[in-house]
Protein backbone atom coordinates (compact mmCIF):
# COMPACT_ATOMS: atom_id res chain seq x y z
CA MET A 1 -80.61 157.61 6.79
CA LEU A 2 -82.69 155.11 5.50
CA GLU A 3 -82.36 155.31 2.25
CA PRO A 4 -78.28 154.68 2.16
CA MET A 5 -79.60 151.62 3.70
CA LYS A 6 -81.95 150.14 1.36
CA ILE A 7 -79.34 150.93 -1.66
CA ASN A 8 -76.84 149.08 0.35
CA MET A 9 -79.27 145.96 0.81
CA TRP A 10 -80.14 146.01 -2.75
CA LYS A 11 -76.75 146.03 -3.85
CA LEU A 12 -75.78 142.76 -1.42
CA LEU A 13 -78.63 140.88 -2.69
CA ILE A 14 -77.39 141.29 -6.52
CA ALA A 15 -73.73 140.34 -5.57
CA GLY A 16 -75.20 137.63 -3.78
CA LEU A 17 -77.37 136.23 -7.24
CA PHE A 18 -74.47 136.92 -9.14
CA ALA A 19 -72.52 134.74 -6.82
CA SER A 20 -74.74 131.64 -7.04
CA ALA A 21 -75.26 131.61 -10.54
CA ALA A 22 -71.33 131.75 -10.96
CA LEU A 23 -71.16 129.08 -8.88
CA ALA A 24 -73.69 126.87 -10.83
CA GLY A 25 -71.85 127.39 -13.51
CA CYS A 26 -68.34 125.56 -12.30
CA GLU A 27 -67.73 121.52 -13.06
CA ASP A 28 -65.73 119.49 -10.19
CA ASN A 29 -62.77 118.28 -12.11
CA ARG A 30 -61.24 117.26 -9.72
CA ASN A 31 -60.81 113.54 -10.73
CA ASN A 32 -59.35 114.43 -13.65
CA PHE A 33 -56.37 114.73 -11.98
CA MET A 34 -56.18 111.37 -10.44
CA VAL A 35 -55.61 107.97 -11.91
CA ASP A 36 -58.11 105.64 -13.05
CA ASP A 37 -58.53 102.65 -9.74
CA SER A 38 -55.95 99.92 -9.86
CA ILE A 39 -55.11 97.14 -7.56
CA SER A 40 -51.91 95.95 -6.70
CA PHE A 41 -49.60 94.05 -4.15
CA LEU A 42 -48.31 96.49 -2.03
CA GLY A 43 -44.68 97.80 -2.29
CA THR A 44 -42.42 99.35 -5.51
CA ALA A 45 -42.18 97.37 -8.63
CA ASP A 46 -38.37 96.82 -7.51
CA ASP A 47 -39.44 95.49 -3.81
CA LEU A 48 -41.86 92.71 -5.28
CA GLN A 49 -38.71 91.17 -7.17
CA ASN A 50 -37.17 90.77 -4.21
CA ILE A 51 -37.73 87.08 -1.87
CA MET A 52 -40.07 88.55 0.88
CA THR A 53 -38.55 86.37 4.43
CA VAL A 54 -41.58 86.07 7.39
CA SER A 55 -40.51 83.62 10.54
CA VAL A 56 -41.80 80.06 10.27
CA TYR A 57 -42.80 80.45 13.98
CA THR A 58 -45.39 83.27 13.57
CA GLU A 59 -47.77 80.62 11.65
CA GLU A 60 -49.70 83.67 10.16
CA TYR A 61 -49.43 86.47 8.05
CA GLU A 62 -51.36 89.50 6.14
CA LEU A 63 -50.24 90.13 2.71
CA PRO A 64 -51.32 93.69 1.84
CA VAL A 65 -53.39 94.46 -1.38
CA VAL A 66 -54.41 98.06 -2.12
CA LYS A 67 -56.41 99.75 -4.42
CA ASN A 68 -55.33 103.21 -5.88
CA GLY A 69 -56.87 105.52 -7.89
CA LYS A 70 -60.28 107.84 -7.95
CA GLY A 71 -61.91 105.79 -5.77
CA LEU A 72 -65.11 105.41 -7.91
CA SER A 73 -64.93 101.70 -8.84
CA GLU A 74 -65.10 98.35 -7.25
CA ALA A 75 -63.31 95.96 -7.87
CA THR A 76 -62.46 92.36 -7.07
CA ALA A 77 -59.24 90.62 -6.56
CA HIS A 78 -58.35 87.18 -7.13
CA ILE A 79 -54.96 85.47 -5.65
CA GLU A 80 -53.13 82.51 -6.61
CA VAL A 81 -49.88 80.27 -6.33
CA SER A 82 -48.30 80.47 -9.92
CA GLU A 83 -45.82 78.42 -10.55
CA THR A 84 -45.06 80.16 -13.90
CA ALA A 85 -44.09 83.19 -11.22
CA LEU A 86 -41.74 81.19 -9.99
CA ARG A 87 -40.14 79.63 -12.91
CA ASP A 88 -39.89 83.19 -14.31
CA TYR A 89 -38.01 84.26 -10.98
CA ASN A 90 -35.81 81.25 -11.07
CA THR A 91 -34.64 81.97 -15.02
CA ALA A 92 -34.25 85.93 -14.37
CA ASN A 93 -32.47 85.35 -11.12
CA GLY A 94 -30.35 82.48 -11.68
CA THR A 95 -31.90 80.82 -8.99
CA ASP A 96 -33.36 77.04 -7.77
CA TYR A 97 -36.11 77.92 -5.68
CA THR A 98 -38.79 74.98 -5.08
CA LEU A 99 -42.62 75.60 -4.98
CA LEU A 100 -43.87 75.29 -1.27
CA PRO A 101 -46.00 72.37 -1.19
CA SER A 102 -49.78 73.59 -0.83
CA ASN A 103 -50.68 71.06 2.03
CA CYS A 104 -48.13 73.28 4.38
CA TYR A 105 -50.47 76.60 4.17
CA GLU A 106 -53.61 78.12 2.91
CA PHE A 107 -54.80 81.71 2.13
CA THR A 108 -57.39 83.70 1.21
CA PRO A 109 -58.25 83.24 -2.89
CA SER A 110 -60.28 86.78 -2.96
CA LEU A 111 -60.74 90.35 -1.93
CA HIS A 112 -63.49 92.27 -2.43
CA PHE A 113 -63.16 96.27 -2.64
CA GLY A 114 -65.87 98.88 -1.90
CA GLU A 115 -65.52 101.95 -3.77
CA LYS A 116 -63.63 103.57 -1.10
CA ASP A 117 -61.81 100.58 -0.09
CA ILE A 118 -58.28 101.53 -0.33
CA ARG A 119 -56.71 97.92 1.69
CA LYS A 120 -57.35 94.88 2.39
CA PHE A 121 -55.60 91.79 3.66
CA VAL A 122 -54.61 87.87 2.33
CA GLY A 123 -54.81 85.99 5.21
CA LEU A 124 -52.38 83.35 5.31
CA LYS A 125 -51.67 80.28 7.67
CA TRP A 126 -49.45 77.12 7.88
CA ASP A 127 -47.91 74.74 10.31
CA SER A 128 -44.81 75.35 11.23
CA GLU A 129 -44.23 71.76 12.14
CA THR A 130 -44.89 70.61 8.54
CA VAL A 131 -43.00 73.00 7.14
CA ASN A 132 -39.63 72.62 9.44
CA ALA A 133 -39.93 68.52 8.34
CA LEU A 134 -39.09 69.76 4.63
CA ASP A 135 -35.86 69.05 2.92
CA PRO A 136 -33.47 71.54 5.12
CA ASP A 137 -31.37 71.74 1.99
CA ILE A 138 -33.82 72.88 -0.22
CA THR A 139 -35.09 76.73 -0.31
CA TYR A 140 -39.11 76.64 -0.51
CA VAL A 141 -41.35 80.08 -2.01
CA ILE A 142 -44.59 80.73 -2.29
CA PRO A 143 -45.30 82.77 -5.60
CA PHE A 144 -48.38 84.58 -4.97
CA GLU A 145 -50.03 86.33 -8.29
CA LEU A 146 -52.67 89.05 -8.69
CA SER A 147 -55.29 89.01 -11.09
CA GLY A 148 -58.89 91.92 -10.88
CA ASN A 149 -62.33 91.83 -11.88
CA GLY A 150 -63.78 95.63 -12.76
CA VAL A 151 -60.20 97.38 -12.17
CA PRO A 152 -56.86 96.41 -13.81
CA VAL A 153 -53.70 95.20 -11.93
CA ALA A 154 -50.81 97.66 -11.93
CA GLU A 155 -47.87 96.85 -14.16
CA GLY A 156 -44.90 94.87 -12.20
CA ARG A 157 -46.77 94.90 -9.01
CA ASN A 158 -48.64 91.76 -9.40
CA ARG A 159 -46.40 89.24 -7.96
CA ILE A 160 -45.21 89.14 -4.75
CA PHE A 161 -42.47 85.93 -3.37
CA LEU A 162 -43.04 84.92 -0.05
CA ARG A 163 -40.45 82.31 1.73
CA LEU A 164 -41.54 80.77 5.33
CA GLU A 165 -37.61 81.16 7.14
CA SER A 166 -36.79 79.15 9.85
CA ALA A 167 -34.00 79.46 12.21
CA THR A 168 -30.55 78.58 11.30
CA ALA A 169 -27.57 78.59 13.90
CA SER A 170 -24.32 79.37 13.00
CA MET A 171 -20.94 79.29 14.97
CA THR A 172 -18.32 81.90 15.44
CA LEU A 173 -14.99 82.55 17.37
CA THR A 174 -14.93 85.23 20.07
CA SER A 175 -11.19 84.35 21.50
CA ASN A 176 -8.45 82.10 21.63
CA ALA A 177 -6.04 82.17 24.62
CA LEU A 178 -4.10 80.37 26.93
CA ALA A 179 -5.67 79.12 30.13
CA GLY A 180 -3.90 77.86 32.74
CA SER A 181 -2.87 74.26 31.34
CA GLU A 182 -5.07 74.13 28.68
CA TYR A 183 -5.40 76.77 25.53
CA VAL A 184 -9.25 77.57 25.12
CA PHE A 185 -11.25 78.58 21.82
CA ASP A 186 -14.63 80.18 22.93
CA GLY A 187 -16.97 81.00 20.68
CA GLU A 188 -21.05 81.52 20.38
CA ILE A 189 -23.58 79.28 18.63
CA THR A 190 -26.32 82.11 17.13
CA LEU A 191 -29.58 81.93 16.02
CA ASN A 192 -30.64 84.23 13.36
CA MET A 193 -34.21 84.52 14.98
CA PRO A 194 -35.42 83.52 18.19
CA VAL A 195 -37.34 79.96 18.45
CA PRO A 196 -40.53 81.21 20.24
CA GLY A 197 -41.44 79.21 23.40
CA SER A 198 -38.62 76.66 22.95
CA GLU A 199 -35.11 75.76 24.33
CA VAL A 200 -32.95 74.72 21.04
CA THR A 201 -30.34 72.04 21.41
CA ILE A 202 -27.07 72.47 19.48
CA ASN A 203 -24.82 68.99 19.35
CA TYR A 204 -21.39 70.06 17.73
CA ASP A 205 -17.95 68.12 17.29
CA VAL A 206 -15.01 68.36 16.20
CA ASP A 207 -14.47 67.03 12.39
CA CYS A 208 -10.89 65.68 12.16
CA ASP A 209 -11.56 65.10 8.06
CA GLN A 210 -8.69 65.34 5.70
CA ASN A 211 -11.00 66.83 3.17
CA LEU A 212 -12.27 69.82 4.83
CA VAL A 213 -8.89 70.76 5.36
CA ASP A 214 -7.98 70.00 1.83
CA ALA A 215 -10.94 71.86 0.71
CA TYR A 216 -9.89 74.94 3.02
CA ASN A 217 -6.45 75.63 2.04
CA ALA A 218 -7.11 74.99 -1.61
CA ALA A 219 -9.74 78.01 -1.45
CA ASN A 220 -7.28 80.15 0.67
CA GLY A 221 -3.52 79.38 -0.14
CA THR A 222 -3.21 78.01 3.34
CA ALA A 223 -1.09 74.66 4.05
CA TYR A 224 -2.65 73.57 7.36
CA LYS A 225 -2.43 70.11 7.91
CA VAL A 226 -5.75 68.32 9.99
CA ILE A 227 -5.74 68.02 13.92
CA PRO A 228 -5.51 64.27 15.18
CA GLN A 229 -7.94 62.73 16.19
CA GLY A 230 -8.58 62.95 20.37
CA THR A 231 -6.37 65.93 20.58
CA VAL A 232 -9.22 68.66 20.99
CA THR A 233 -12.02 67.85 23.49
CA THR A 234 -15.34 69.96 23.37
CA GLU A 235 -18.33 70.02 25.45
CA LYS A 236 -20.29 68.61 22.63
CA ILE A 237 -23.78 70.42 23.61
CA ALA A 238 -24.93 73.39 23.97
CA LYS A 239 -28.34 74.82 24.88
CA ILE A 240 -29.86 78.47 23.69
CA ALA A 241 -32.54 79.62 26.14
CA VAL A 242 -35.88 80.26 25.59
CA ASP A 243 -36.45 82.72 23.21
CA LYS A 244 -32.66 83.62 23.21
CA VAL A 245 -30.31 83.35 19.96
CA SER A 246 -26.73 82.46 21.35
CA ALA A 247 -25.26 80.33 23.62
CA ALA A 248 -21.42 79.70 24.21
CA PHE A 249 -18.98 76.56 23.26
CA SER A 250 -15.71 76.10 23.56
CA CYS A 251 -12.64 73.59 22.59
CA LYS A 252 -9.70 73.33 24.39
CA ILE A 253 -6.10 71.56 23.70
CA GLY A 254 -4.37 70.04 26.55
CA ILE A 255 -0.87 71.74 26.79
CA ASP A 256 0.73 68.09 27.56
CA LYS A 257 -1.41 67.54 23.80
CA MET A 258 1.27 69.75 22.14
CA THR A 259 4.48 68.31 22.21
CA GLY A 260 3.37 65.40 20.10
CA LEU A 261 2.22 68.06 17.51
CA PHE A 262 4.73 70.66 17.37
CA ALA A 263 8.39 69.41 19.12
CA GLY A 264 10.82 69.03 16.25
CA GLN A 265 8.34 70.09 13.56
CA ASN A 266 6.91 73.15 11.58
CA ASN A 267 3.55 72.47 11.18
CA ASP A 268 0.43 74.70 11.90
CA TYR A 269 -3.30 72.65 12.39
CA LEU A 270 -6.64 73.22 11.28
CA ILE A 271 -9.98 72.66 13.71
CA PRO A 272 -12.90 72.03 11.81
CA VAL A 273 -16.03 72.41 14.15
CA ARG A 274 -19.39 71.35 13.17
CA ILE A 275 -23.04 71.26 14.39
CA THR A 276 -24.04 67.38 13.91
CA SER A 277 -27.75 67.92 14.70
CA THR A 278 -30.36 70.60 16.00
CA THR A 279 -33.57 71.04 17.72
CA ASP A 280 -36.38 69.77 15.21
CA GLY A 281 -36.41 72.73 12.40
CA VAL A 282 -33.45 74.57 13.28
CA LYS A 283 -30.72 74.71 10.44
CA PHE A 284 -27.58 75.36 10.43
CA GLY A 285 -24.37 76.98 8.82
CA GLU A 286 -21.07 76.12 7.12
CA THR A 287 -18.09 74.37 9.55
CA LEU A 288 -16.12 76.70 11.54
CA TYR A 289 -12.48 76.75 10.99
CA LEU A 290 -10.09 77.13 14.03
CA PRO A 291 -6.08 77.76 13.04
CA LEU A 292 -3.90 76.47 15.34
CA ALA A 293 -0.56 78.28 14.37
CA PRO A 294 2.24 79.18 16.71
CA ALA A 295 2.93 83.06 16.53
CA GLU A 296 6.28 84.25 16.52
CA PHE A 297 7.12 86.36 19.60
CA ARG A 298 10.24 88.66 19.76
CA GLY A 299 11.70 91.56 20.92
CA THR A 300 12.14 94.43 18.86
CA LYS A 301 15.08 97.14 18.56
CA THR A 302 12.80 99.65 20.21
CA ALA A 303 11.40 97.23 23.04
CA PRO A 304 13.88 94.03 23.58
CA TRP A 305 13.18 91.87 26.11
CA PRO A 306 14.61 93.07 29.64
CA ILE A 307 17.41 91.36 31.30
CA LEU A 308 17.07 90.08 34.91
CA GLU A 309 20.11 88.06 35.03
CA GLY A 310 23.73 88.31 33.34
CA GLU A 311 23.41 92.04 32.27
CA ASP A 312 26.77 92.69 33.11
CA ILE A 313 27.81 89.74 30.57
CA CYS A 314 28.09 92.01 27.56
CA TYR A 315 31.01 93.61 25.88
CA ALA A 316 30.10 97.57 27.46
CA LYS A 317 30.32 95.66 31.08
CA ASP A 318 33.43 93.95 30.14
CA PRO A 319 35.67 95.44 33.29
CA ASN A 320 38.57 95.60 30.98
CA ARG A 321 36.93 96.82 27.75
CA GLY A 322 38.43 100.06 25.49
CA SER A 323 37.66 103.22 25.83
CA GLY A 324 35.48 103.83 22.65
CA ALA A 325 31.89 104.73 22.94
CA TRP A 326 30.78 102.40 20.23
CA ILE A 327 31.43 99.79 22.81
CA ASP A 328 28.73 100.89 24.64
CA ASN A 329 26.30 99.58 22.07
CA TYR A 330 27.11 95.89 22.76
CA VAL A 331 24.68 95.26 25.68
CA THR A 332 22.92 91.97 26.95
CA SER A 333 19.47 93.11 25.82
CA ASN A 334 20.86 92.76 22.39
CA LEU A 335 20.24 88.81 22.55
CA PHE A 336 16.61 89.87 22.37
CA ASN A 337 16.32 92.80 20.22
CA GLY A 338 15.50 91.58 16.91
CA ALA A 339 18.43 92.41 15.20
CA SER A 340 21.52 90.24 14.45
CA THR A 341 23.77 93.06 12.36
CA GLY A 342 26.19 95.37 13.51
CA GLY A 343 25.96 96.84 16.75
CA ASP A 344 22.95 94.86 17.45
CA SER A 345 24.83 91.78 17.82
CA TRP A 346 25.18 90.08 21.46
CA ILE A 347 29.02 90.04 22.44
CA PRO A 348 30.22 88.76 25.95
CA TRP A 349 33.02 89.44 27.39
CA TRP A 350 35.77 90.48 24.75
CA ILE A 351 38.92 90.78 26.68
CA THR A 352 38.00 89.54 29.46
CA PRO A 353 38.19 86.00 29.45
CA ASN A 354 34.32 84.26 29.61
CA VAL A 355 33.40 81.82 32.25
CA TYR A 356 30.91 79.01 30.94
CA PRO A 357 28.08 78.03 31.18
CA ILE A 358 27.08 81.70 30.66
CA THR A 359 23.45 82.39 32.22
CA ILE A 360 20.96 85.31 30.63
CA VAL A 361 17.24 85.45 32.22
CA GLY A 362 15.04 87.60 29.80
CA ASP A 363 11.12 88.61 30.20
CA MET A 364 9.04 87.72 27.81
CA GLY A 365 6.63 90.42 28.09
CA LYS A 366 3.58 87.45 28.40
CA ARG A 367 2.98 83.62 29.23
CA GLN A 368 3.15 81.59 26.35
CA ALA A 369 2.88 78.26 25.17
CA ILE A 370 6.31 77.68 23.71
CA THR A 371 6.45 75.43 20.46
CA LYS A 372 10.19 76.14 19.43
CA PHE A 373 12.98 78.43 19.24
CA ARG A 374 14.82 80.16 16.70
CA ILE A 375 18.07 81.28 17.37
CA GLU A 376 20.05 83.63 14.61
CA ASP A 377 23.97 83.86 14.50
CA THR A 378 25.43 87.29 13.43
CA THR A 379 27.15 88.22 10.73
CA ASP A 380 30.51 87.26 11.55
CA SER A 381 31.71 84.20 14.48
CA GLN A 382 28.82 82.34 13.04
CA GLY A 383 29.00 78.84 14.74
CA ALA A 384 31.12 79.69 18.26
CA TYR A 385 27.90 79.13 20.60
CA LEU A 386 25.96 75.79 19.33
CA ASP A 387 25.39 74.11 22.66
CA TYR A 388 22.45 75.74 24.83
CA GLU A 389 19.81 74.86 27.48
CA ILE A 390 17.08 76.20 27.90
CA TYR A 391 14.08 76.89 30.87
CA LEU A 392 10.75 78.47 31.54
CA ALA A 393 9.14 80.20 34.27
CA ASP A 394 5.52 81.28 34.68
CA GLU A 395 6.56 83.63 37.48
CA TYR A 396 10.00 85.03 38.26
CA ASP A 397 11.76 85.17 41.61
CA GLY A 398 15.16 85.20 41.78
CA GLU A 399 17.03 81.97 42.94
CA ASN A 400 14.11 80.80 43.67
CA THR A 401 12.66 80.54 40.56
CA GLN A 402 11.15 77.04 39.49
CA TRP A 403 12.45 76.87 36.02
CA THR A 404 11.84 74.02 34.07
CA LEU A 405 14.02 72.93 31.07
CA VAL A 406 12.37 72.70 27.59
CA ALA A 407 15.27 72.57 25.40
CA SER A 408 18.81 71.68 25.16
CA GLY A 409 21.69 70.08 23.04
CA MET A 410 23.55 71.31 20.12
CA ARG A 411 21.83 73.05 17.72
CA GLU A 412 22.09 72.90 13.51
CA TRP A 413 24.93 74.55 12.03
CA ASP A 414 25.63 74.59 8.44
CA GLY A 415 29.63 74.65 8.63
CA ILE A 416 30.27 78.22 7.13
CA TYR A 417 31.87 80.28 9.66
CA THR A 418 33.17 84.36 8.87
CA PRO A 419 35.45 84.89 11.47
CA PRO A 420 35.63 88.21 13.23
CA GLY A 421 35.64 91.71 11.71
CA THR A 422 34.58 90.36 8.41
CA VAL A 423 30.85 90.09 6.80
CA GLY A 424 28.44 87.41 6.24
CA ALA A 425 25.57 85.78 5.54
CA VAL A 426 23.22 85.86 8.90
CA LYS A 427 21.66 82.22 9.66
CA ALA A 428 19.24 81.22 11.85
CA TYR A 429 18.31 77.81 12.80
CA ASP A 430 15.12 76.02 14.53
CA TYR A 431 15.78 74.82 17.99
CA PRO A 432 12.94 73.08 18.91
CA VAL A 433 11.53 72.21 22.26
CA GLN A 434 11.31 68.75 24.11
CA LYS A 435 8.46 69.20 25.55
CA VAL A 436 6.17 72.55 25.13
CA THR A 437 5.81 74.09 28.20
CA THR A 438 4.49 77.58 29.20
CA GLY A 439 6.08 80.38 30.45
CA ARG A 440 7.13 84.12 30.56
CA TYR A 441 10.37 84.07 31.50
CA LEU A 442 13.04 82.63 29.97
CA LYS A 443 16.72 81.28 30.99
CA PHE A 444 18.68 81.04 28.47
CA VAL A 445 21.95 79.21 28.86
CA ILE A 446 24.96 78.57 26.90
CA VAL A 447 27.00 75.41 27.71
CA LYS A 448 30.34 75.92 26.32
CA CYS A 449 32.00 77.77 23.60
CA GLU A 450 32.86 75.90 20.49
CA SER A 451 36.49 75.51 18.82
CA VAL A 452 35.56 77.81 15.68
CA ALA A 453 35.72 81.02 18.04
CA LEU A 454 38.41 83.57 18.93
CA GLU A 455 39.04 81.90 21.99
CA ASN A 456 36.69 81.25 24.42
CA ARG A 457 34.48 84.39 22.65
CA GLY A 458 32.21 84.48 19.81
CA LYS A 459 28.78 86.44 18.97
CA LEU A 460 25.15 85.49 18.95
CA GLY A 461 22.56 87.72 16.81
CA ASP A 462 19.25 87.20 18.26
CA VAL A 463 17.18 84.86 19.65
CA TRP A 464 13.12 84.79 20.02
CA CYS A 465 10.33 82.12 19.96
CA PHE A 466 7.59 80.63 18.04
CA GLY A 467 4.36 79.92 20.46
CA LEU A 468 1.05 80.34 21.62
CA GLU A 469 -0.76 83.00 24.28
């Protein structure tokens, strides 16, 4: 049994000698598949062509420089601020950036890499107060350029552009609505970054500058008028708490001030609101424009304003009406249904004599500050009803409702009359309020019937309003 074991041992020994000889004859060529060492700023060539922003409030930053490749070489990286690099950037990108003054910052000018080092950091420090004291309308940049001893710099990765960014305050509108006896614009003043450890004071106000409104109109194809001085009230100051980025602001217009703006007129206004000053070092953005433009409020064919009083004053409810089913279409809600032709017009009693004044009460669906009414004749019987009284109320309580008279008198009429049974052009006329007033409920009173009407009966197409909700 010993002889075979000796033979196997000799075989293993010989195999081991051959393996050792084979390994000794192999050369380590792994480095042949790796690039030579180079240094660069960290990032792709495309990324490094963009301006990198850093918060000015941190007052320090570490800029990474990397050594790539085989790791067989030592190297020294030299960092300098290059006006040429910034000039090249401005030319290539059509910008007008300015070199940040050298007294604002300091940095590590060189880094040494050992053979196995792969990353080092350029230490950059600055004084935020000094930086923030510079002209806020100029964009300052630090253009760093990298060179090296011992190894080359990777192509396209030798420059980086750094901008120290301060907080910028901007204004946005969040809502606008009636609130009691005022129309209120609510908004936010927002910082793009917090200011560490500091409360930020923002001063703002309405700027009734006609030039601002003219420029807005030219840019947007609008025809706003500037809001008169003294119409809008504001708190004029907002405070953003420490380490927060927003605070609320508001602009208010008393309903009592609107009569002079809208009564008898057809005007839309623009309210320019501007930040006037801030805590040192906080920049501020563009003017916020708040439109004060009454919207149209009108019933529709599918959702006419509900009738609360006067529902029986219509052809469909005439005690002596005929039997034709088509008469059923002539209901009182046609007065507030957004249409004025054919079966959509309002007709009072047609056989039974009408008694004037005629009163109809409707629910407009929401409380509004009414700036004017619009009354549309039907396609025939134009000019039959011209004399009205219109009342508003915030709440409806039947005969106990507290009504406010807001418009009265004869409306305009161009003299065109189309007799019943004929078709003419639809005419609509503005009916101004004497006082801008809020209300949800409308009492529409036809005082009398004009002589152009057929006996004491006429027709109306539609009644609606313009206002602010």
